Amino acid sequence: MNNQDNSKSEQNIVGAGLAIGVGLGLVFGSAIGNVGAGLAIGIAAGIGFATRQQRKKKSE
């Protein structure tokens, strides 16, 4: 993979992490009755997931 492919792949992983985070945040937020807090927690979890996937992919 060249550098441009790596960059695109990293953007896709981060984008997927954010999408997962927003989805989880909406579900969690409505469950606790505070969508704003749920989104904050969900997005943080999504970014954490994306970062972990990115590191895992780099180590391969």
C-alpha atoms as a PDB file:
ATOM      1  CA  MET A   1       0.000   0.000   0.000  1.00  0.00           C
ATOM      2  CA  ASN A   2       1.286   3.413  -0.774  1.00  0.00           C
ATOM      3  CA  ASN A   3       1.014   6.372   1.588  1.00  0.00           C
ATOM      4  CA  GLN A   4      -2.145   7.748  -0.034  1.00  0.00           C
ATOM      5  CA  ASP A   5      -3.926   4.396   0.412  1.00  0.00           C
ATOM      6  CA  ASN A   6      -2.897   4.310   4.075  1.00  0.00           C
ATOM      7  CA  SER A   7      -4.264   7.810   4.625  1.00  0.00           C
ATOM      8  CA  LYS A   8      -7.584   6.941   2.966  1.00  0.00           C
ATOM      9  CA  SER A   9      -7.839   3.761   5.017  1.00  0.00           C
ATOM     10  CA  GLU A  10      -7.227   5.688   8.247  1.00  0.00           C
ATOM     11  CA  GLN A  11      -9.938   8.198   7.305  1.00  0.00           C
ATOM     12  CA  ASN A  12     -12.366   5.343   6.655  1.00  0.00           C
ATOM     13  CA  ILE A  13     -11.602   3.768  10.042  1.00  0.00           C
ATOM     14  CA  VAL A  14     -12.090   7.075  11.869  1.00  0.00           C
ATOM     15  CA  GLY A  15     -15.291   7.767   9.922  1.00  0.00           C
ATOM     16  CA  ALA A  16     -16.644   4.331  10.795  1.00  0.00           C
ATOM     17  CA  GLY A  17     -15.697   4.861  14.439  1.00  0.00           C
ATOM     18  CA  LEU A  18     -17.554   8.174  14.529  1.00  0.00           C
ATOM     19  CA  ALA A  19     -20.618   6.659  12.858  1.00  0.00           C
ATOM     20  CA  ILE A  20     -20.647   3.808  15.378  1.00  0.00           C
ATOM     21  CA  GLY A  21     -20.156   6.328  18.178  1.00  0.00           C
ATOM     22  CA  VAL A  22     -23.080   8.499  17.106  1.00  0.00           C
ATOM     23  CA  GLY A  23     -25.334   5.460  16.778  1.00  0.00           C
ATOM     24  CA  LEU A  24     -24.343   4.130  20.190  1.00  0.00           C
ATOM     25  CA  GLY A  25     -24.640   7.602  21.661  1.00  0.00           C
ATOM     26  CA  LEU A  26     -28.204   8.048  20.451  1.00  0.00           C
ATOM     27  CA  VAL A  27     -29.247   4.658  21.827  1.00  0.00           C
ATOM     28  CA  PHE A  28     -27.427   5.162  25.124  1.00  0.00           C
ATOM     29  CA  GLY A  29     -28.582   8.768  25.408  1.00  0.00           C
ATOM     30  CA  SER A  30     -32.228   7.897  24.993  1.00  0.00           C
ATOM     31  CA  ALA A  31     -31.821   5.065  27.497  1.00  0.00           C
ATOM     32  CA  ILE A  32     -30.483   7.418  30.192  1.00  0.00           C
ATOM     33  CA  GLY A  33     -32.714  10.315  29.151  1.00  0.00           C
ATOM     34  CA  ASN A  34     -29.868  12.651  28.196  1.00  0.00           C
ATOM     35  CA  VAL A  35     -29.046  12.475  24.496  1.00  0.00           C
ATOM     36  CA  GLY A  36     -26.226  15.054  24.736  1.00  0.00           C
ATOM     37  CA  ALA A  37     -24.343  13.031  27.341  1.00  0.00           C
ATOM     38  CA  GLY A  38     -25.071   9.836  25.423  1.00  0.00           C
ATOM     39  CA  LEU A  39     -23.620  11.312  22.244  1.00  0.00           C
ATOM     40  CA  ALA A  40     -20.493  12.472  24.070  1.00  0.00           C
ATOM     41  CA  ILE A  41     -19.961   9.004  25.537  1.00  0.00           C
ATOM     42  CA  GLY A  42     -20.798   7.248  22.265  1.00  0.00           C
ATOM     43  CA  ILE A  43     -18.503   9.410  20.145  1.00  0.00           C
ATOM     44  CA  ALA A  44     -15.664   8.920  22.639  1.00  0.00           C
ATOM     45  CA  ALA A  45     -16.229   5.159  22.465  1.00  0.00           C
ATOM     46  CA  GLY A  46     -16.348   5.280  18.665  1.00  0.00           C
ATOM     47  CA  ILE A  47     -13.093   7.232  18.451  1.00  0.00           C
ATOM     48  CA  GLY A  48     -11.503   4.786  20.894  1.00  0.00           C
ATOM     49  CA  PHE A  49     -12.666   1.886  18.739  1.00  0.00           C
ATOM     50  CA  ALA A  50     -11.342   3.547  15.570  1.00  0.00           C
ATOM     51  CA  THR A  51      -7.976   4.272  17.188  1.00  0.00           C
ATOM     52  CA  ARG A  52      -7.653   0.678  18.365  1.00  0.00           C
ATOM     53  CA  GLN A  53      -8.498  -0.635  14.890  1.00  0.00           C
ATOM     54  CA  GLN A  54      -5.986   1.759  13.334  1.00  0.00           C
ATOM     55  CA  ARG A  55      -3.188   0.588  15.639  1.00  0.00           C
ATOM     56  CA  LYS A  56      -4.107  -3.034  15.023  1.00  0.00           C
ATOM     57  CA  LYS A  57      -3.998  -2.493  11.258  1.00  0.00           C
ATOM     58  CA  LYS A  58      -0.612  -0.713  11.427  1.00  0.00           C
ATOM     59  CA  SER A  59       0.925  -3.587  13.392  1.00  0.00           C
ATOM     60  CA  GLU A  60      -0.043  -6.128  10.712  1.00  0.00           C
END
